[in-house]
Amino acid sequence: MAKGKKWGFLGNIVSDASLLFWRIITIVISALTLFFIIQSAWSIIRSKREINRLTRLHNQYKKQIEADSTIIHRLQYDEYLEQYARERYNMQRENEQVYKIK
């Protein structure tokens, strides 16, 4: 005997309800899986953007540190210290006039 035939009309209703239930469960599980996949992909994209931004900042600061280290090393010599003070802070010797040309 066929499964639906055993119960008659009631068997068809139970069979249809069971099929509908499993279809709904499958759709819900598929939707949740898709949601989590999209969320994870978006998180990965944001993380890669942040890594790239931080890498650019790291390189920028590294160059600035190298430039500052060079200046610090050169400032240990009196000749460069005087030149640096004159150029950077508009300092001058006594009884000396400085004209700036732009």
N, C-alpha and C. Protein backbone atom coordinates (compact mmCIF):
# COMPACT_ATOMS: atom_id res chain seq x y z
N MET A 1 0.82 -1.19 0.00
CA MET A 1 0.00 0.00 0.00
C MET A 1 0.86 1.25 0.00
N ALA A 2 0.43 2.25 -0.67
CA ALA A 2 1.12 3.53 -0.72
C ALA A 2 0.88 4.26 0.58
N LYS A 3 1.81 5.10 0.95
CA LYS A 3 1.73 5.80 2.22
C LYS A 3 0.51 6.71 2.28
N GLY A 4 0.26 7.47 1.23
CA GLY A 4 -0.88 8.38 1.19
C GLY A 4 -2.20 7.64 1.13
N LYS A 5 -2.23 6.49 0.56
CA LYS A 5 -3.46 5.73 0.41
C LYS A 5 -3.91 5.11 1.74
N LYS A 6 -2.96 4.84 2.62
CA LYS A 6 -3.29 4.20 3.88
C LYS A 6 -4.23 5.07 4.72
N TRP A 7 -3.96 6.34 4.76
CA TRP A 7 -4.76 7.24 5.59
C TRP A 7 -5.83 7.96 4.78
N GLY A 8 -5.81 7.80 3.53
CA GLY A 8 -6.82 8.44 2.70
C GLY A 8 -6.55 9.92 2.56
N PHE A 9 -7.60 10.72 2.75
CA PHE A 9 -7.52 12.17 2.60
C PHE A 9 -6.61 12.78 3.66
N LEU A 10 -6.65 12.26 4.89
CA LEU A 10 -5.83 12.76 5.98
C LEU A 10 -4.35 12.54 5.69
N GLY A 11 -4.01 11.46 5.04
CA GLY A 11 -2.62 11.16 4.69
C GLY A 11 -2.06 12.18 3.71
N ASN A 12 -2.88 12.63 2.76
CA ASN A 12 -2.43 13.65 1.81
C ASN A 12 -2.18 14.97 2.52
N ILE A 13 -3.02 15.33 3.47
CA ILE A 13 -2.84 16.60 4.20
C ILE A 13 -1.58 16.55 5.04
N VAL A 14 -1.33 15.47 5.74
CA VAL A 14 -0.13 15.33 6.56
C VAL A 14 1.11 15.34 5.68
N SER A 15 1.04 14.66 4.57
CA SER A 15 2.16 14.61 3.64
C SER A 15 2.46 16.00 3.09
N ASP A 16 1.42 16.76 2.70
CA ASP A 16 1.62 18.11 2.17
C ASP A 16 2.15 19.05 3.25
N ALA A 17 1.64 18.93 4.48
CA ALA A 17 2.10 19.77 5.58
C ALA A 17 3.56 19.46 5.90
N SER A 18 3.92 18.20 5.89
CA SER A 18 5.30 17.81 6.17
C SER A 18 6.24 18.35 5.10
N LEU A 19 5.84 18.25 3.85
CA LEU A 19 6.65 18.76 2.75
C LEU A 19 6.81 20.27 2.86
N LEU A 20 5.75 20.99 3.19
CA LEU A 20 5.80 22.43 3.36
C LEU A 20 6.73 22.79 4.52
N PHE A 21 6.64 22.06 5.62
CA PHE A 21 7.49 22.30 6.79
C PHE A 21 8.96 22.18 6.40
N TRP A 22 9.31 21.11 5.70
CA TRP A 22 10.71 20.92 5.32
C TRP A 22 11.18 21.94 4.31
N ARG A 23 10.31 22.38 3.45
CA ARG A 23 10.67 23.45 2.50
C ARG A 23 10.96 24.74 3.25
N ILE A 24 10.12 25.07 4.23
CA ILE A 24 10.31 26.29 5.01
C ILE A 24 11.61 26.20 5.81
N ILE A 25 11.86 25.07 6.44
CA ILE A 25 13.10 24.87 7.20
C ILE A 25 14.31 25.03 6.28
N THR A 26 14.25 24.47 5.09
CA THR A 26 15.35 24.57 4.13
C THR A 26 15.59 26.02 3.71
N ILE A 27 14.52 26.74 3.47
CA ILE A 27 14.64 28.15 3.08
C ILE A 27 15.24 28.97 4.21
N VAL A 28 14.77 28.73 5.45
CA VAL A 28 15.29 29.48 6.60
C VAL A 28 16.77 29.20 6.81
N ILE A 29 17.15 27.95 6.76
CA ILE A 29 18.56 27.59 6.94
C ILE A 29 19.41 28.17 5.82
N SER A 30 18.92 28.13 4.59
CA SER A 30 19.67 28.70 3.46
C SER A 30 19.82 30.20 3.63
N ALA A 31 18.76 30.89 4.06
CA ALA A 31 18.82 32.34 4.26
C ALA A 31 19.81 32.70 5.35
N LEU A 32 19.79 31.97 6.46
CA LEU A 32 20.73 32.24 7.54
C LEU A 32 22.17 31.99 7.11
N THR A 33 22.38 30.92 6.38
CA THR A 33 23.73 30.62 5.88
C THR A 33 24.22 31.73 4.96
N LEU A 34 23.38 32.17 4.06
CA LEU A 34 23.73 33.26 3.14
C LEU A 34 24.02 34.54 3.91
N PHE A 35 23.22 34.84 4.92
CA PHE A 35 23.42 36.03 5.74
C PHE A 35 24.79 36.00 6.41
N PHE A 36 25.16 34.86 7.01
CA PHE A 36 26.44 34.77 7.70
C PHE A 36 27.62 34.81 6.72
N ILE A 37 27.45 34.26 5.55
CA ILE A 37 28.51 34.31 4.54
C ILE A 37 28.74 35.75 4.09
N ILE A 38 27.66 36.47 3.83
CA ILE A 38 27.79 37.86 3.40
C ILE A 38 28.40 38.71 4.52
N GLN A 39 27.97 38.47 5.75
CA GLN A 39 28.50 39.22 6.88
C GLN A 39 30.01 38.95 7.04
N SER A 40 30.42 37.73 6.90
CA SER A 40 31.83 37.38 7.01
C SER A 40 32.64 38.00 5.88
N ALA A 41 32.12 37.97 4.68
CA ALA A 41 32.82 38.56 3.54
C ALA A 41 32.98 40.06 3.74
N TRP A 42 31.95 40.72 4.23
CA TRP A 42 32.02 42.16 4.46
C TRP A 42 33.04 42.48 5.56
N SER A 43 33.08 41.65 6.57
CA SER A 43 34.05 41.83 7.65
C SER A 43 35.48 41.68 7.12
N ILE A 44 35.70 40.73 6.24
CA ILE A 44 37.02 40.53 5.65
C ILE A 44 37.42 41.74 4.81
N ILE A 45 36.50 42.27 4.04
CA ILE A 45 36.78 43.44 3.22
C ILE A 45 37.14 44.64 4.09
N ARG A 46 36.38 44.86 5.16
CA ARG A 46 36.68 45.98 6.07
C ARG A 46 38.04 45.80 6.72
N SER A 47 38.37 44.58 7.11
CA SER A 47 39.65 44.31 7.75
C SER A 47 40.81 44.57 6.78
N LYS A 48 40.65 44.16 5.54
CA LYS A 48 41.72 44.39 4.54
C LYS A 48 41.90 45.88 4.29
N ARG A 49 40.81 46.63 4.23
CA ARG A 49 40.92 48.09 4.07
C ARG A 49 41.65 48.72 5.25
N GLU A 50 41.33 48.28 6.44
CA GLU A 50 41.99 48.81 7.63
C GLU A 50 43.47 48.44 7.64
N ILE A 51 43.80 47.24 7.24
CA ILE A 51 45.21 46.82 7.16
C ILE A 51 45.96 47.69 6.16
N ASN A 52 45.36 47.94 5.00
CA ASN A 52 46.01 48.79 4.00
C ASN A 52 46.21 50.21 4.51
N ARG A 53 45.20 50.74 5.21
CA ARG A 53 45.32 52.10 5.76
C ARG A 53 46.44 52.16 6.79
N LEU A 54 46.49 51.17 7.67
CA LEU A 54 47.52 51.15 8.70
C LEU A 54 48.92 50.93 8.11
N THR A 55 48.99 50.15 7.04
CA THR A 55 50.28 49.95 6.37
C THR A 55 50.79 51.26 5.77
N ARG A 56 49.88 52.02 5.14
CA ARG A 56 50.27 53.33 4.59
C ARG A 56 50.75 54.26 5.71
N LEU A 57 50.02 54.28 6.83
CA LEU A 57 50.44 55.12 7.96
C LEU A 57 51.79 54.68 8.50
N HIS A 58 51.99 53.37 8.60
CA HIS A 58 53.27 52.84 9.09
C HIS A 58 54.42 53.31 8.20
N ASN A 59 54.24 53.21 6.89
CA ASN A 59 55.29 53.65 5.97
C ASN A 59 55.53 55.15 6.08
N GLN A 60 54.46 55.91 6.23
CA GLN A 60 54.59 57.36 6.36
C GLN A 60 55.36 57.72 7.63
N TYR A 61 55.02 57.09 8.74
CA TYR A 61 55.72 57.37 10.00
C TYR A 61 57.16 56.89 9.95
N LYS A 62 57.40 55.79 9.26
CA LYS A 62 58.77 55.29 9.13
C LYS A 62 59.64 56.29 8.38
N LYS A 63 59.11 56.86 7.29
CA LYS A 63 59.85 57.88 6.55
C LYS A 63 60.09 59.11 7.41
N GLN A 64 59.09 59.51 8.20
CA GLN A 64 59.24 60.67 9.07
C GLN A 64 60.29 60.42 10.14
N ILE A 65 60.32 59.21 10.68
CA ILE A 65 61.32 58.86 11.69
C ILE A 65 62.72 58.91 11.08
N GLU A 66 62.88 58.40 9.86
CA GLU A 66 64.19 58.45 9.19
C GLU A 66 64.63 59.89 8.97
N ALA A 67 63.70 60.75 8.54
CA ALA A 67 64.04 62.16 8.30
C ALA A 67 64.42 62.83 9.62
N ASP A 68 63.65 62.58 10.67
CA ASP A 68 63.95 63.18 11.97
C ASP A 68 65.27 62.67 12.53
N SER A 69 65.55 61.39 12.33
CA SER A 69 66.82 60.83 12.81
C SER A 69 68.00 61.49 12.10
N THR A 70 67.84 61.74 10.82
CA THR A 70 68.90 62.42 10.07
C THR A 70 69.12 63.82 10.60
N ILE A 71 68.03 64.54 10.86
CA ILE A 71 68.15 65.90 11.39
C ILE A 71 68.79 65.88 12.77
N ILE A 72 68.39 64.95 13.62
CA ILE A 72 68.97 64.86 14.96
C ILE A 72 70.46 64.57 14.88
N HIS A 73 70.83 63.69 13.99
CA HIS A 73 72.26 63.37 13.81
C HIS A 73 73.02 64.60 13.34
N ARG A 74 72.46 65.35 12.41
CA ARG A 74 73.14 66.53 11.87
C ARG A 74 73.17 67.68 12.88
N LEU A 75 72.18 67.75 13.77
CA LEU A 75 72.14 68.82 14.77
C LEU A 75 73.22 68.67 15.83
N GLN A 76 73.92 67.57 15.86
CA GLN A 76 75.00 67.39 16.82
C GLN A 76 76.22 68.22 16.46
N TYR A 77 76.26 68.72 15.23
CA TYR A 77 77.38 69.55 14.77
C TYR A 77 76.96 71.01 14.84
N ASP A 78 77.85 71.86 15.39
CA ASP A 78 77.52 73.27 15.62
C ASP A 78 77.22 74.03 14.34
N GLU A 79 77.93 73.72 13.25
CA GLU A 79 77.72 74.45 12.01
C GLU A 79 76.29 74.24 11.50
N TYR A 80 75.85 73.01 11.52
CA TYR A 80 74.50 72.72 11.04
C TYR A 80 73.46 73.26 12.01
N LEU A 81 73.76 73.21 13.30
CA LEU A 81 72.83 73.72 14.31
C LEU A 81 72.58 75.21 14.09
N GLU A 82 73.64 75.94 13.81
CA GLU A 82 73.48 77.37 13.55
C GLU A 82 72.68 77.60 12.27
N GLN A 83 73.00 76.88 11.23
CA GLN A 83 72.27 77.02 9.96
C GLN A 83 70.79 76.67 10.14
N TYR A 84 70.54 75.60 10.88
CA TYR A 84 69.15 75.16 11.11
C TYR A 84 68.38 76.23 11.89
N ALA A 85 69.00 76.79 12.93
CA ALA A 85 68.33 77.82 13.74
C ALA A 85 68.06 79.06 12.90
N ARG A 86 68.99 79.44 12.06
CA ARG A 86 68.78 80.62 11.21
C ARG A 86 67.63 80.39 10.22
N GLU A 87 67.62 79.25 9.59
CA GLU A 87 66.60 78.98 8.57
C GLU A 87 65.23 78.73 9.19
N ARG A 88 65.23 77.95 10.23
CA ARG A 88 63.95 77.48 10.77
C ARG A 88 63.29 78.50 11.70
N TYR A 89 64.09 79.16 12.52
CA TYR A 89 63.53 80.02 13.55
C TYR A 89 63.88 81.50 13.33
N ASN A 90 64.38 81.81 12.17
CA ASN A 90 64.71 83.20 11.80
C ASN A 90 65.63 83.86 12.83
N MET A 91 66.60 83.13 13.30
CA MET A 91 67.54 83.67 14.27
C MET A 91 68.68 84.35 13.54
N GLN A 92 69.32 85.26 14.26
CA GLN A 92 70.44 85.99 13.67
C GLN A 92 71.47 86.30 14.74
N ARG A 93 72.65 86.64 14.29
CA ARG A 93 73.71 87.03 15.22
C ARG A 93 73.49 88.49 15.63
N GLU A 94 74.20 88.87 16.68
CA GLU A 94 74.11 90.27 17.11
C GLU A 94 74.69 91.16 16.02
N ASN A 95 74.07 92.33 15.86
CA ASN A 95 74.51 93.33 14.87
C ASN A 95 74.49 92.78 13.46
N GLU A 96 73.58 91.90 13.17
CA GLU A 96 73.45 91.32 11.83
C GLU A 96 72.04 91.55 11.35
N GLN A 97 71.91 91.95 10.11
CA GLN A 97 70.58 92.13 9.54
C GLN A 97 70.36 91.04 8.49
N VAL A 98 69.16 90.46 8.55
CA VAL A 98 68.83 89.37 7.64
C VAL A 98 67.68 89.83 6.76
N TYR A 99 67.84 89.63 5.47
CA TYR A 99 66.76 89.95 4.51
C TYR A 99 66.26 88.65 3.91
N LYS A 100 64.98 88.48 4.00
CA LYS A 100 64.37 87.25 3.44
C LYS A 100 63.82 87.57 2.06
N ILE A 101 64.17 86.75 1.13
CA ILE A 101 63.68 86.91 -0.23
C ILE A 101 62.78 85.71 -0.54
N LYS A 102 61.58 86.02 -0.95
CA LYS A 102 60.65 84.94 -1.26
C LYS A 102 60.65 84.64 -2.72
